[in-house]
């Protein structure tokens, strides 16, 4: 019997929507420093597949991990959490 693996989900902000069916999403996370016990902000940018070109710069979106779609794309847009003003 095979176990179903849960796919990773992250929430981030769209920083670029200039490509066709692709957006760049900035994901921030807080990490506690081992020695100083201070929280440090870590950032990562992901190329995300946006099938309907629905996302705009500034939107907050939920992304889900998927199979490789291109050289850099391994994520898909799951839903738009909050639209940019």
PDB file of N, CA and C in Angstrom:
ATOM      1  N   UNK A   1       0.837  -1.179   0.000  1.00  0.00           N
ATOM      2  CA  UNK A   1       0.000   0.000   0.000  1.00  0.00           C
ATOM      3  C   UNK A   1       0.885   1.248   0.000  1.00  0.00           C
ATOM      4  N   UNK A   2       0.608   2.150  -0.952  1.00  0.00           N
ATOM      5  CA  UNK A   2       1.402   3.364  -1.093  1.00  0.00           C
ATOM      6  C   UNK A   2       0.804   4.487  -0.260  1.00  0.00           C
ATOM      7  N   UNK A   3       1.675   5.227   0.429  1.00  0.00           N
ATOM      8  CA  UNK A   3       1.234   6.362   1.225  1.00  0.00           C
ATOM      9  C   UNK A   3       1.143   7.595   0.338  1.00  0.00           C
ATOM     10  N   UNK A   4       0.065   8.348   0.477  1.00  0.00           N
ATOM     11  CA  UNK A   4      -0.101   9.585  -0.277  1.00  0.00           C
ATOM     12  C   UNK A   4       0.685  10.689   0.423  1.00  0.00           C
ATOM     13  N   UNK A   5       1.632  11.297  -0.291  1.00  0.00           N
ATOM     14  CA  UNK A   5       2.432  12.370   0.274  1.00  0.00           C
ATOM     15  C   UNK A   5       1.700  13.698   0.131  1.00  0.00           C
ATOM     16  N   UNK A   6       1.724  14.502   1.173  1.00  0.00           N
ATOM     17  CA  UNK A   6       1.138  15.830   1.103  1.00  0.00           C
ATOM     18  C   UNK A   6       2.111  16.768   0.401  1.00  0.00           C
ATOM     19  N   UNK A   7       1.581  17.586  -0.503  1.00  0.00           N
ATOM     20  CA  UNK A   7       2.421  18.526  -1.227  1.00  0.00           C
ATOM     21  C   UNK A   7       2.628  19.772  -0.386  1.00  0.00           C
ATOM     22  N   UNK A   8       3.824  20.348  -0.489  1.00  0.00           N
ATOM     23  CA  UNK A   8       4.137  21.561   0.270  1.00  0.00           C
ATOM     24  C   UNK A   8       3.288  22.720  -0.207  1.00  0.00           C
ATOM     25  N   UNK A   9       2.840  23.548   0.725  1.00  0.00           N
ATOM     26  CA  UNK A   9       2.079  24.748   0.404  1.00  0.00           C
ATOM     27  C   UNK A   9       2.739  25.934   1.083  1.00  0.00           C
ATOM     28  N   UNK A  10       2.868  27.034   0.350  1.00  0.00           N
ATOM     29  CA  UNK A  10       3.468  28.245   0.887  1.00  0.00           C
ATOM     30  C   UNK A  10       2.614  29.445   0.503  1.00  0.00           C
ATOM     31  N   UNK A  11       2.677  30.491   1.315  1.00  0.00           N
ATOM     32  CA  UNK A  11       1.997  31.749   0.989  1.00  0.00           C
ATOM     33  C   UNK A  11       3.068  32.798   0.732  1.00  0.00           C
ATOM     34  N   UNK A  12       2.919  33.509  -0.385  1.00  0.00           N
ATOM     35  CA  UNK A  12       3.893  34.526  -0.749  1.00  0.00           C
ATOM     36  C   UNK A  12       3.260  35.667  -1.518  1.00  0.00           C
ATOM     37  N   UNK A  13       4.089  36.650  -1.854  1.00  0.00           N
ATOM     38  CA  UNK A  13       3.648  37.839  -2.566  1.00  0.00           C
ATOM     39  C   UNK A  13       4.233  37.841  -3.970  1.00  0.00           C
ATOM     40  N   UNK A  14       3.403  38.154  -4.959  1.00  0.00           N
ATOM     41  CA  UNK A  14       3.855  38.223  -6.350  1.00  0.00           C
ATOM     42  C   UNK A  14       4.701  39.484  -6.518  1.00  0.00           C
ATOM     43  N   UNK A  15       5.942  39.316  -7.000  1.00  0.00           N
ATOM     44  CA  UNK A  15       6.820  40.463  -7.220  1.00  0.00           C
ATOM     45  C   UNK A  15       6.994  40.775  -8.707  1.00  0.00           C
ATOM     46  N   UNK A  16       6.718  39.795  -9.567  1.00  0.00           N
ATOM     47  CA  UNK A  16       6.830  40.021 -11.017  1.00  0.00           C
ATOM     48  C   UNK A  16       5.799  39.178 -11.746  1.00  0.00           C
ATOM     49  N   UNK A  17       5.107  39.816 -12.707  1.00  0.00           N
ATOM     50  CA  UNK A  17       4.113  39.098 -13.514  1.00  0.00           C
ATOM     51  C   UNK A  17       4.313  39.390 -14.998  1.00  0.00           C
ATOM     52  N   UNK A  18       5.558  39.635 -15.397  1.00  0.00           N
ATOM     53  CA  UNK A  18       5.848  40.070 -16.761  1.00  0.00           C
ATOM     54  C   UNK A  18       5.918  38.928 -17.775  1.00  0.00           C
ATOM     55  N   UNK A  19       6.049  37.697 -17.285  1.00  0.00           N
ATOM     56  CA  UNK A  19       6.133  36.555 -18.189  1.00  0.00           C
ATOM     57  C   UNK A  19       4.746  35.994 -18.478  1.00  0.00           C
ATOM     58  N   UNK A  20       4.633  35.204 -19.539  1.00  0.00           N
ATOM     59  CA  UNK A  20       3.368  34.581 -19.888  1.00  0.00           C
ATOM     60  C   UNK A  20       3.205  33.294 -19.078  1.00  0.00           C
ATOM     61  N   UNK A  21       2.117  33.193 -18.325  1.00  0.00           N
ATOM     62  CA  UNK A  21       1.778  32.028 -17.503  1.00  0.00           C
ATOM     63  C   UNK A  21       2.793  31.722 -16.407  1.00  0.00           C
ATOM     64  N   UNK A  22       3.592  32.722 -16.028  1.00  0.00           N
ATOM     65  CA  UNK A  22       4.578  32.552 -14.959  1.00  0.00           C
ATOM     66  C   UNK A  22       4.625  33.813 -14.112  1.00  0.00           C
ATOM     67  N   UNK A  23       4.673  33.640 -12.797  1.00  0.00           N
ATOM     68  CA  UNK A  23       4.871  34.759 -11.877  1.00  0.00           C
ATOM     69  C   UNK A  23       6.014  34.410 -10.931  1.00  0.00           C
ATOM     70  N   UNK A  24       6.686  35.449 -10.440  1.00  0.00           N
ATOM     71  CA  UNK A  24       7.741  35.258  -9.451  1.00  0.00           C
ATOM     72  C   UNK A  24       7.150  35.626  -8.092  1.00  0.00           C
ATOM     73  N   UNK A  25       7.268  34.689  -7.140  1.00  0.00           N
ATOM     74  CA  UNK A  25       6.658  34.860  -5.823  1.00  0.00           C
ATOM     75  C   UNK A  25       7.759  34.907  -4.766  1.00  0.00           C
ATOM     76  N   UNK A  26       7.674  35.913  -3.885  1.00  0.00           N
ATOM     77  CA  UNK A  26       8.611  36.062  -2.776  1.00  0.00           C
ATOM     78  C   UNK A  26       7.960  35.492  -1.521  1.00  0.00           C
ATOM     79  N   UNK A  27       8.622  34.498  -0.924  1.00  0.00           N
ATOM     80  CA  UNK A  27       8.117  33.856   0.297  1.00  0.00           C
ATOM     81  C   UNK A  27       9.065  34.207   1.438  1.00  0.00           C
ATOM     82  N   UNK A  28       8.500  34.772   2.510  1.00  0.00           N
ATOM     83  CA  UNK A  28       9.296  35.126   3.685  1.00  0.00           C
ATOM     84  C   UNK A  28       8.977  34.184   4.832  1.00  0.00           C
ATOM     85  N   UNK A  29      10.007  33.827   5.607  1.00  0.00           N
ATOM     86  CA  UNK A  29       9.800  32.994   6.787  1.00  0.00           C
ATOM     87  C   UNK A  29      10.709  33.494   7.892  1.00  0.00           C
ATOM     88  N   UNK A  30      10.314  33.254   9.127  1.00  0.00           N
ATOM     89  CA  UNK A  30      11.118  33.646  10.278  1.00  0.00           C
ATOM     90  C   UNK A  30      11.837  32.420  10.821  1.00  0.00           C
ATOM     91  N   UNK A  31      13.150  32.561  11.033  1.00  0.00           N
ATOM     92  CA  UNK A  31      13.982  31.470  11.539  1.00  0.00           C
ATOM     93  C   UNK A  31      14.693  31.967  12.793  1.00  0.00           C
ATOM     94  N   UNK A  32      14.675  31.147  13.814  1.00  0.00           N
ATOM     95  CA  UNK A  32      15.333  31.518  15.065  1.00  0.00           C
ATOM     96  C   UNK A  32      16.825  31.190  14.977  1.00  0.00           C
ATOM     97  N   UNK A  33      17.668  32.180  15.312  1.00  0.00           N
ATOM     98  CA  UNK A  33      19.111  31.979  15.302  1.00  0.00           C
ATOM     99  C   UNK A  33      19.495  31.031  16.431  1.00  0.00           C
ATOM    100  N   UNK A  34      20.355  30.070  16.112  1.00  0.00           N
ATOM    101  CA  UNK A  34      20.709  29.037  17.095  1.00  0.00           C
ATOM    102  C   UNK A  34      21.339  29.611  18.364  1.00  0.00           C
ATOM    103  N   UNK A  35      22.283  30.499  18.192  1.00  0.00           N
ATOM    104  CA  UNK A  35      23.032  31.009  19.339  1.00  0.00           C
ATOM    105  C   UNK A  35      22.378  32.234  19.972  1.00  0.00           C
ATOM    106  N   UNK A  36      22.009  33.210  19.131  1.00  0.00           N
ATOM    107  CA  UNK A  36      21.505  34.480  19.656  1.00  0.00           C
ATOM    108  C   UNK A  36      20.001  34.460  19.960  1.00  0.00           C
ATOM    109  N   UNK A  37      19.307  33.408  19.546  1.00  0.00           N
ATOM    110  CA  UNK A  37      17.872  33.244  19.807  1.00  0.00           C
ATOM    111  C   UNK A  37      17.023  34.392  19.249  1.00  0.00           C
ATOM    112  N   UNK A  38      17.565  35.069  18.263  1.00  0.00           N
ATOM    113  CA  UNK A  38      16.852  36.178  17.637  1.00  0.00           C
ATOM    114  C   UNK A  38      16.226  35.679  16.340  1.00  0.00           C
ATOM    115  N   UNK A  39      15.052  36.188  16.012  1.00  0.00           N
ATOM    116  CA  UNK A  39      14.388  35.763  14.782  1.00  0.00           C
ATOM    117  C   UNK A  39      14.929  36.537  13.595  1.00  0.00           C
ATOM    118  N   UNK A  40      15.292  35.792  12.543  1.00  0.00           N
ATOM    119  CA  UNK A  40      15.860  36.364  11.321  1.00  0.00           C
ATOM    120  C   UNK A  40      14.884  36.114  10.187  1.00  0.00           C
ATOM    121  N   UNK A  41      14.709  37.114   9.342  1.00  0.00           N
ATOM    122  CA  UNK A  41      13.805  36.988   8.207  1.00  0.00           C
ATOM    123  C   UNK A  41      14.565  36.376   7.017  1.00  0.00           C
ATOM    124  N   UNK A  42      14.083  35.236   6.532  1.00  0.00           N
ATOM    125  CA  UNK A  42      14.681  34.561   5.373  1.00  0.00           C
ATOM    126  C   UNK A  42      13.723  34.688   4.203  1.00  0.00           C
ATOM    127  N   UNK A  43      14.264  34.934   3.012  1.00  0.00           N
ATOM    128  CA  UNK A  43      13.432  35.110   1.820  1.00  0.00           C
ATOM    129  C   UNK A  43      13.846  34.125   0.739  1.00  0.00           C
ATOM    130  N   UNK A  44      12.869  33.723  -0.059  1.00  0.00           N
ATOM    131  CA  UNK A  44      13.133  32.850  -1.196  1.00  0.00           C
ATOM    132  C   UNK A  44      12.192  33.253  -2.325  1.00  0.00           C
ATOM    133  N   UNK A  45      12.701  33.219  -3.557  1.00  0.00           N
ATOM    134  CA  UNK A  45      11.874  33.536  -4.721  1.00  0.00           C
ATOM    135  C   UNK A  45      11.613  32.254  -5.499  1.00  0.00           C
ATOM    136  N   UNK A  46      10.371  32.071  -5.916  1.00  0.00           N
ATOM    137  CA  UNK A  46       9.977  30.890  -6.673  1.00  0.00           C
ATOM    138  C   UNK A  46       9.320  31.305  -7.977  1.00  0.00           C
ATOM    139  N   UNK A  47       9.640  30.588  -9.057  1.00  0.00           N
ATOM    140  CA  UNK A  47       8.931  30.749 -10.318  1.00  0.00           C
ATOM    141  C   UNK A  47       7.702  29.861 -10.238  1.00  0.00           C
ATOM    142  N   UNK A  48       6.523  30.455 -10.430  1.00  0.00           N
ATOM    143  CA  UNK A  48       5.259  29.757 -10.207  1.00  0.00           C
ATOM    144  C   UNK A  48       4.423  29.778 -11.476  1.00  0.00           C
ATOM    145  N   UNK A  49       3.820  28.634 -11.799  1.00  0.00           N
ATOM    146  CA  UNK A  49       2.971  28.514 -12.981  1.00  0.00           C
ATOM    147  C   UNK A  49       1.591  29.113 -12.693  1.00  0.00           C
ATOM    148  N   UNK A  50       1.196  30.080 -13.531  1.00  0.00           N
ATOM    149  CA  UNK A  50      -0.108  30.755 -13.405  1.00  0.00           C
ATOM    150  C   UNK A  50      -0.852  30.541 -14.717  1.00  0.00           C
ATOM    151  N   UNK A  51      -1.631  29.488 -14.792  1.00  0.00           N
ATOM    152  CA  UNK A  51      -2.275  29.055 -16.050  1.00  0.00           C
ATOM    153  C   UNK A  51      -3.147  30.131 -16.681  1.00  0.00           C
ATOM    154  N   UNK A  52      -3.909  30.872 -15.868  1.00  0.00           N
ATOM    155  CA  UNK A  52      -4.865  31.840 -16.410  1.00  0.00           C
ATOM    156  C   UNK A  52      -4.353  33.276 -16.432  1.00  0.00           C
ATOM    157  N   UNK A  53      -3.089  33.495 -16.098  1.00  0.00           N
ATOM    158  CA  UNK A  53      -2.519  34.845 -15.982  1.00  0.00           C
ATOM    159  C   UNK A  53      -3.390  35.723 -15.078  1.00  0.00           C
ATOM    160  N   UNK A  54      -3.842  35.164 -13.959  1.00  0.00           N
ATOM    161  CA  UNK A  54      -4.770  35.856 -13.060  1.00  0.00           C
ATOM    162  C   UNK A  54      -4.050  36.715 -12.026  1.00  0.00           C
ATOM    163  N   UNK A  55      -2.804  36.420 -11.716  1.00  0.00           N
ATOM    164  CA  UNK A  55      -2.091  37.111 -10.647  1.00  0.00           C
ATOM    165  C   UNK A  55      -1.413  38.372 -11.147  1.00  0.00           C
ATOM    166  N   UNK A  56      -1.425  39.396 -10.294  1.00  0.00           N
ATOM    167  CA  UNK A  56      -0.768  40.668 -10.575  1.00  0.00           C
ATOM    168  C   UNK A  56       0.249  40.947  -9.472  1.00  0.00           C
ATOM    169  N   UNK A  57       1.196  41.842  -9.743  1.00  0.00           N
ATOM    170  CA  UNK A  57       2.211  42.204  -8.759  1.00  0.00           C
ATOM    171  C   UNK A  57       1.539  42.757  -7.505  1.00  0.00           C
ATOM    172  N   UNK A  58       1.944  42.258  -6.349  1.00  0.00           N
ATOM    173  CA  UNK A  58       1.382  42.694  -5.075  1.00  0.00           C
ATOM    174  C   UNK A  58       0.342  41.746  -4.513  1.00  0.00           C
ATOM    175  N   UNK A  59      -0.167  40.827  -5.328  1.00  0.00           N
ATOM    176  CA  UNK A  59      -1.153  39.859  -4.844  1.00  0.00           C
ATOM    177  C   UNK A  59      -0.504  38.894  -3.857  1.00  0.00           C
ATOM    178  N   UNK A  60      -1.264  38.480  -2.856  1.00  0.00           N
ATOM    179  CA  UNK A  60      -0.816  37.450  -1.917  1.00  0.00           C
ATOM    180  C   UNK A  60      -1.462  36.147  -2.379  1.00  0.00           C
ATOM    181  N   UNK A  61      -0.641  35.114  -2.642  1.00  0.00           N
ATOM    182  CA  UNK A  61      -1.181  33.869  -3.200  1.00  0.00           C
ATOM    183  C   UNK A  61      -0.690  32.652  -2.430  1.00  0.00           C
ATOM    184  N   UNK A  62      -1.454  31.575  -2.551  1.00  0.00           N
ATOM    185  CA  UNK A  62      -1.086  30.274  -1.998  1.00  0.00           C
ATOM    186  C   UNK A  62      -0.541  29.449  -3.146  1.00  0.00           C
ATOM    187  N   UNK A  63       0.691  28.935  -2.984  1.00  0.00           N
ATOM    188  CA  UNK A  63       1.301  28.112  -4.039  1.00  0.00           C
ATOM    189  C   UNK A  63       1.464  26.688  -3.536  1.00  0.00           C
ATOM    190  N   UNK A  64       1.418  25.744  -4.468  1.00  0.00           N
ATOM    191  CA  UNK A  64       1.509  24.325  -4.132  1.00  0.00           C
ATOM    192  C   UNK A  64       2.589  23.687  -4.997  1.00  0.00           C
ATOM    193  N   UNK A  65       3.368  22.812  -4.394  1.00  0.00           N
ATOM    194  CA  UNK A  65       4.460  22.149  -5.099  1.00  0.00           C
ATOM    195  C   UNK A  65       3.903  21.163  -6.120  1.00  0.00           C
ATOM    196  N   UNK A  66       4.569  21.061  -7.285  1.00  0.00           N
ATOM    197  CA  UNK A  66       4.106  20.149  -8.330  1.00  0.00           C
ATOM    198  C   UNK A  66       5.303  19.529  -9.042  1.00  0.00           C
ATOM    199  N   UNK A  67       5.009  18.764 -10.062  1.00  0.00           N
ATOM    200  CA  UNK A  67       6.082  18.169 -10.860  1.00  0.00           C
ATOM    201  C   UNK A  67       6.822  19.282 -11.604  1.00  0.00           C
ATOM    202  N   UNK A  68       8.052  19.037 -12.079  1.00  0.00           N
ATOM    203  CA  UNK A  68       8.771  20.070 -12.836  1.00  0.00           C
ATOM    204  C   UNK A  68       8.016  20.440 -14.114  1.00  0.00           C
ATOM    205  N   UNK A  69       7.759  21.737 -14.281  1.00  0.00           N
ATOM    206  CA  UNK A  69       7.037  22.229 -15.450  1.00  0.00           C
ATOM    207  C   UNK A  69       7.984  22.847 -16.477  1.00  0.00           C
ATOM    208  N   UNK A  70       9.153  23.284 -16.015  1.00  0.00           N
ATOM    209  CA  UNK A  70      10.189  23.820 -16.899  1.00  0.00           C
ATOM    210  C   UNK A  70      11.500  23.737 -16.129  1.00  0.00           C
ATOM    211  N   UNK A  71      12.514  24.436 -16.628  1.00  0.00           N
ATOM    212  CA  UNK A  71      13.815  24.395 -15.972  1.00  0.00           C
ATOM    213  C   UNK A  71      13.753  24.923 -14.538  1.00  0.00           C
ATOM    214  N   UNK A  72      12.959  25.963 -14.304  1.00  0.00           N
ATOM    215  CA  UNK A  72      12.912  26.583 -12.980  1.00  0.00           C
ATOM    216  C   UNK A  72      11.565  26.450 -12.271  1.00  0.00           C
ATOM    217  N   UNK A  73      10.503  26.092 -12.977  1.00  0.00           N
ATOM    218  CA  UNK A  73       9.163  26.065 -12.363  1.00  0.00           C
ATOM    219  C   UNK A  73       8.846  24.705 -11.747  1.00  0.00           C
ATOM    220  N   UNK A  74       8.604  24.713 -10.426  1.00  0.00           N
ATOM    221  CA  UNK A  74       8.195  23.507  -9.700  1.00  0.00           C
ATOM    222  C   UNK A  74       7.003  23.785  -8.804  1.00  0.00           C
ATOM    223  N   UNK A  75       6.344  24.914  -8.999  1.00  0.00           N
ATOM    224  CA  UNK A  75       5.221  25.337  -8.178  1.00  0.00           C
ATOM    225  C   UNK A  75       4.071  25.797  -9.074  1.00  0.00           C
ATOM    226  N   UNK A  76       2.828  25.694  -8.547  1.00  0.00           N
ATOM    227  CA  UNK A  76       1.631  26.167  -9.238  1.00  0.00           C
ATOM    228  C   UNK A  76       0.842  27.076  -8.305  1.00  0.00           C
ATOM    229  N   UNK A  77       0.065  27.993  -8.899  1.00  0.00           N
ATOM    230  CA  UNK A  77      -0.823  28.840  -8.110  1.00  0.00           C
ATOM    231  C   UNK A  77      -2.009  28.001  -7.681  1.00  0.00           C
ATOM    232  N   UNK A  78      -2.269  27.961  -6.370  1.00  0.00           N
ATOM    233  CA  UNK A  78      -3.421  27.235  -5.863  1.00  0.00           C
ATOM    234  C   UNK A  78      -4.629  28.163  -5.780  1.00  0.00           C
ATOM    235  N   UNK A  79      -4.447  29.312  -5.116  1.00  0.00           N
ATOM    236  CA  UNK A  79      -5.520  30.308  -5.075  1.00  0.00           C
ATOM    237  C   UNK A  79      -4.949  31.666  -4.689  1.00  0.00           C
ATOM    238  N   UNK A  80      -5.694  32.712  -5.044  1.00  0.00           N
ATOM    239  CA  UNK A  80      -5.318  34.077  -4.676  1.00  0.00           C
ATOM    240  C   UNK A  80      -5.942  34.365  -3.316  1.00  0.00           C
ATOM    241  N   UNK A  81      -5.102  34.623  -2.328  1.00  0.00           N
ATOM    242  CA  UNK A  81      -5.572  34.867  -0.972  1.00  0.00           C
ATOM    243  C   UNK A  81      -6.071  36.309  -0.833  1.00  0.00           C
ATOM    244  N   UNK A  82      -5.273  37.251  -1.378  1.00  0.00           N
ATOM    245  CA  UNK A  82      -5.629  38.663  -1.266  1.00  0.00           C
ATOM    246  C   UNK A  82      -5.152  39.406  -2.490  1.00  0.00           C
ATOM    247  N   UNK A  83      -6.040  40.167  -3.121  1.00  0.00           N
ATOM    248  CA  UNK A  83      -5.694  40.941  -4.314  1.00  0.00           C
ATOM    249  C   UNK A  83      -4.962  42.205  -3.912  1.00  0.00           C
ATOM    250  N   UNK A  84      -4.062  42.697  -4.785  1.00  0.00           N
ATOM    251  CA  UNK A  84      -3.346  43.951  -4.545  1.00  0.00           C
ATOM    252  C   UNK A  84      -4.301  45.130  -4.693  1.00  0.00           C
ATOM    253  N   UNK A  85      -4.041  46.167  -3.944  1.00  0.00           N
ATOM    254  CA  UNK A  85      -4.909  47.348  -3.983  1.00  0.00           C
ATOM    255  C   UNK A  85      -4.654  48.186  -5.206  1.00  0.00           C
TER     256      UNK A  85
END
